Amino acid sequence: MPKEIGGLGLKRIDWFNQALLSKWKWRCITNNQAI
């Protein structure tokens, strides 16, 4: 949703969400003490 109509300005929130989940998965795999 565009900022002009009250959104955060993120065009594809699903891409952002997937990237964030992948980052967390990678961190847990590579660093066992991250949990």
N, C-alpha and C. Protein backbone atom coordinates (compact mmCIF):
# COMPACT_ATOMS: atom_id res chain seq x y z
N MET A 1 0.85 -1.17 0.00
CA MET A 1 0.00 0.00 0.00
C MET A 1 0.90 1.24 0.00
N PRO A 2 0.66 2.18 -0.88
CA PRO A 2 1.48 3.39 -0.94
C PRO A 2 1.36 4.26 0.30
N LYS A 3 2.41 5.00 0.59
CA LYS A 3 2.41 5.90 1.75
C LYS A 3 1.30 6.94 1.66
N GLU A 4 0.97 7.36 0.44
CA GLU A 4 -0.02 8.41 0.26
C GLU A 4 -1.39 8.04 0.82
N ILE A 5 -1.68 6.74 0.87
CA ILE A 5 -2.99 6.32 1.39
C ILE A 5 -2.86 5.58 2.73
N GLY A 6 -1.78 5.85 3.44
CA GLY A 6 -1.64 5.34 4.80
C GLY A 6 -0.83 4.07 4.95
N GLY A 7 -0.21 3.60 3.89
CA GLY A 7 0.59 2.37 3.98
C GLY A 7 2.02 2.66 4.40
N LEU A 8 2.81 1.61 4.42
CA LEU A 8 4.22 1.73 4.80
C LEU A 8 5.11 1.97 3.60
N GLY A 9 4.57 1.92 2.41
CA GLY A 9 5.37 2.14 1.22
C GLY A 9 6.04 0.88 0.70
N LEU A 10 5.72 -0.28 1.25
CA LEU A 10 6.28 -1.54 0.78
C LEU A 10 5.39 -2.08 -0.33
N LYS A 11 5.99 -2.33 -1.48
CA LYS A 11 5.20 -2.78 -2.62
C LYS A 11 4.81 -4.25 -2.49
N ARG A 12 5.73 -5.07 -2.06
CA ARG A 12 5.44 -6.50 -1.95
C ARG A 12 5.80 -6.98 -0.56
N ILE A 13 4.85 -6.91 0.35
CA ILE A 13 5.09 -7.30 1.74
C ILE A 13 5.44 -8.79 1.83
N ASP A 14 4.93 -9.61 0.91
CA ASP A 14 5.24 -11.03 0.95
C ASP A 14 6.71 -11.29 0.66
N TRP A 15 7.33 -10.49 -0.23
CA TRP A 15 8.77 -10.63 -0.49
C TRP A 15 9.57 -10.24 0.74
N PHE A 16 9.16 -9.17 1.39
CA PHE A 16 9.84 -8.71 2.60
C PHE A 16 9.73 -9.77 3.69
N ASN A 17 8.55 -10.33 3.85
CA ASN A 17 8.32 -11.35 4.87
C ASN A 17 9.17 -12.59 4.59
N GLN A 18 9.23 -13.02 3.34
CA GLN A 18 10.02 -14.19 2.98
C GLN A 18 11.50 -13.95 3.26
N ALA A 19 11.97 -12.75 2.94
CA ALA A 19 13.38 -12.43 3.19
C ALA A 19 13.68 -12.44 4.68
N LEU A 20 12.78 -11.90 5.48
CA LEU A 20 12.98 -11.87 6.93
C LEU A 20 12.98 -13.28 7.52
N LEU A 21 12.05 -14.11 7.09
CA LEU A 21 12.02 -15.49 7.58
C LEU A 21 13.27 -16.25 7.17
N SER A 22 13.73 -16.03 5.96
CA SER A 22 14.95 -16.70 5.50
C SER A 22 16.15 -16.26 6.32
N LYS A 23 16.21 -14.99 6.65
CA LYS A 23 17.30 -14.47 7.48
C LYS A 23 17.29 -15.13 8.85
N TRP A 24 16.11 -15.25 9.45
CA TRP A 24 16.01 -15.88 10.77
C TRP A 24 16.39 -17.36 10.71
N LYS A 25 15.95 -18.06 9.65
CA LYS A 25 16.30 -19.47 9.50
C LYS A 25 17.81 -19.64 9.37
N TRP A 26 18.43 -18.80 8.54
CA TRP A 26 19.88 -18.88 8.34
C TRP A 26 20.61 -18.62 9.65
N ARG A 27 20.14 -17.64 10.41
CA ARG A 27 20.78 -17.32 11.69
C ARG A 27 20.68 -18.50 12.66
N CYS A 28 19.54 -19.16 12.70
CA CYS A 28 19.37 -20.30 13.60
C CYS A 28 20.22 -21.49 13.16
N ILE A 29 20.35 -21.69 11.85
CA ILE A 29 21.16 -22.80 11.34
C ILE A 29 22.63 -22.58 11.62
N THR A 30 23.10 -21.36 11.42
CA THR A 30 24.53 -21.10 11.55
C THR A 30 24.97 -20.77 12.97
N ASN A 31 24.03 -20.40 13.82
CA ASN A 31 24.38 -20.04 15.19
C ASN A 31 23.39 -20.73 16.13
N ASN A 32 23.81 -21.84 16.71
CA ASN A 32 22.92 -22.63 17.55
C ASN A 32 22.47 -21.89 18.80
N GLN A 33 23.21 -20.90 19.24
CA GLN A 33 22.84 -20.17 20.45
C GLN A 33 21.89 -19.01 20.16
N ALA A 34 21.46 -18.84 18.92
CA ALA A 34 20.55 -17.74 18.57
C ALA A 34 19.14 -17.99 19.08
N ILE A 35 18.84 -19.23 19.41
CA ILE A 35 17.48 -19.57 19.85
C ILE A 35 17.31 -19.23 21.32
